[in-house]
Amino acid sequence: MAQGSGVQVRRIYEDPEAGDGTRVLVDRLWPRGVSKERAHLDLWVKEVAPSPELRRWYGHDPEKFDEFRRRYRAELEDDAHAEPLAELRRLSHRGPLTLLTASKRDDISEAAVLQQILTGSAD
């Protein structure tokens, strides 16, 4: 497998699948209604999540996604996000990586932005 190519995004509410590899929750807040056992997590990297201010501003409004992605990528460049992002990069190089989110639409979530960064599939 090419490095970074095995990064997928899924909702934490979905049942785990055999090909998930390392399962990492990337939300800042623990998802409602999900027990630690049901989550089947390998890691919770809440430090890589968007700031509370950015999350509130965005509100998962599809019309704001492009601007959210731009602002979130800028946040990820600061020192506080360096190690959590590096940890996700290391995991993506080791094998399949599944980024988990509680967002109703995982395609416009921070997990989707992280996937783009880790796979090099976005600007």
Protein backbone atom coordinates (compact mmCIF):
# COMPACT_ATOMS: atom_id res chain seq x y z
CA MET A 1 0.00 0.00 0.00
CA ALA A 2 1.34 3.45 -0.89
CA GLN A 3 2.00 5.63 2.08
CA GLY A 4 -1.03 7.62 3.14
CA SER A 5 -3.30 5.96 0.60
CA GLY A 6 -5.09 3.84 3.16
CA VAL A 7 -6.74 6.67 5.06
CA GLN A 8 -10.50 6.57 5.26
CA VAL A 9 -13.14 8.58 7.07
CA ARG A 10 -16.11 7.00 8.81
CA ARG A 11 -18.75 7.94 11.33
CA ILE A 12 -18.12 6.55 14.78
CA TYR A 13 -21.72 5.36 14.88
CA GLU A 14 -21.01 2.81 12.12
CA ASP A 15 -19.91 -0.69 13.07
CA PRO A 16 -16.18 -1.37 12.75
CA GLU A 17 -15.04 -3.19 9.61
CA ALA A 18 -12.17 -5.63 9.13
CA GLY A 19 -10.26 -3.23 6.86
CA ASP A 20 -10.40 -0.27 9.24
CA GLY A 21 -6.88 -0.77 10.50
CA THR A 22 -6.07 1.73 13.24
CA ARG A 23 -9.23 3.52 14.37
CA VAL A 24 -8.72 7.08 15.60
CA LEU A 25 -11.36 9.49 16.87
CA VAL A 26 -10.43 13.03 15.76
CA ASP A 27 -13.31 14.95 17.39
CA ARG A 28 -12.63 17.19 20.38
CA LEU A 29 -15.76 16.00 22.20
CA TRP A 30 -16.71 12.41 22.95
CA PRO A 31 -19.68 11.41 20.73
CA ARG A 32 -23.08 11.16 22.37
CA GLY A 33 -24.49 7.71 22.91
CA VAL A 34 -21.27 5.82 22.14
CA SER A 35 -19.67 3.74 24.87
CA LYS A 36 -15.90 3.27 24.94
CA GLU A 37 -16.44 -0.43 24.22
CA ARG A 38 -18.71 0.18 21.21
CA ALA A 39 -16.32 2.72 19.73
CA HIS A 40 -13.55 0.13 19.20
CA LEU A 41 -10.95 2.91 19.27
CA ASP A 42 -7.22 2.52 19.13
CA LEU A 43 -6.65 6.19 19.87
CA TRP A 44 -8.45 9.46 20.56
CA VAL A 45 -6.47 12.42 19.22
CA LYS A 46 -8.73 15.27 20.32
CA GLU A 47 -5.80 17.72 20.18
CA VAL A 48 -5.94 17.65 16.36
CA ALA A 49 -9.58 18.81 16.27
CA PRO A 50 -10.55 22.33 15.23
CA SER A 51 -10.65 24.98 17.93
CA PRO A 52 -13.99 25.37 19.72
CA GLU A 53 -14.35 28.81 18.12
CA LEU A 54 -13.87 27.46 14.60
CA ARG A 55 -16.17 24.52 15.27
CA ARG A 56 -18.93 26.83 16.53
CA TRP A 57 -18.52 29.22 13.59
CA TYR A 58 -18.66 26.37 11.08
CA GLY A 59 -21.60 24.46 12.53
CA HIS A 60 -21.20 21.86 9.76
CA ASP A 61 -22.87 24.22 7.29
CA PRO A 62 -22.03 22.79 3.83
CA GLU A 63 -21.91 26.35 2.41
CA LYS A 64 -19.05 27.17 4.80
CA PHE A 65 -16.99 24.03 4.20
CA ASP A 66 -14.41 25.56 1.84
CA GLU A 67 -13.73 28.40 4.26
CA PHE A 68 -13.74 25.97 7.20
CA ARG A 69 -11.16 23.81 5.42
CA ARG A 70 -8.96 26.87 4.78
CA ARG A 71 -9.19 28.07 8.41
CA TYR A 72 -8.70 24.58 9.85
CA ARG A 73 -5.63 23.95 7.71
CA ALA A 74 -4.23 27.24 9.01
CA GLU A 75 -4.89 26.12 12.59
CA LEU A 76 -3.11 22.84 11.92
CA GLU A 77 0.07 24.77 11.09
CA ASP A 78 0.53 26.02 14.65
CA ASP A 79 2.82 24.37 17.19
CA ALA A 80 -0.04 22.98 19.29
CA HIS A 81 -1.16 20.79 16.39
CA ALA A 82 2.29 19.67 15.20
CA GLU A 83 2.65 16.53 17.34
CA PRO A 84 -0.96 15.28 17.03
CA LEU A 85 -0.78 15.70 13.24
CA ALA A 86 2.61 14.00 13.14
CA GLU A 87 1.12 11.07 15.10
CA LEU A 88 -1.62 10.68 12.48
CA ARG A 89 1.01 10.80 9.72
CA ARG A 90 3.01 8.05 11.45
CA LEU A 91 -0.09 5.90 11.79
CA SER A 92 -1.04 6.43 8.13
CA HIS A 93 2.42 5.21 7.06
CA ARG A 94 2.08 2.00 9.11
CA GLY A 95 -1.08 0.72 7.45
CA PRO A 96 -4.78 1.35 7.06
CA LEU A 97 -6.04 4.28 9.14
CA THR A 98 -9.65 5.16 9.82
CA LEU A 99 -10.40 8.67 11.04
CA LEU A 100 -13.61 8.65 13.04
CA THR A 101 -16.03 11.51 13.60
CA ALA A 102 -19.49 11.94 15.06
CA SER A 103 -20.39 14.47 12.35
CA LYS A 104 -23.64 13.71 10.56
CA ARG A 105 -21.82 14.26 7.26
CA ASP A 106 -18.31 12.90 7.42
CA ASP A 107 -17.54 14.32 3.95
CA ILE A 108 -17.61 17.89 5.33
CA SER A 109 -15.97 17.13 8.68
CA GLU A 110 -12.54 17.83 10.10
CA ALA A 111 -11.82 14.14 9.49
CA ALA A 112 -12.29 14.73 5.74
CA VAL A 113 -9.83 17.63 5.86
CA LEU A 114 -7.33 15.50 7.76
CA GLN A 115 -7.74 12.71 5.21
CA GLN A 116 -6.95 15.17 2.41
CA ILE A 117 -3.84 16.34 4.25
CA LEU A 118 -2.62 12.83 5.04
CA THR A 119 -3.15 11.53 1.50
CA GLY A 120 -1.97 14.67 -0.25
CA SER A 121 -5.24 14.81 -2.18
CA ALA A 122 -5.96 18.51 -1.59
CA ASP A 123 -4.21 21.81 -2.14
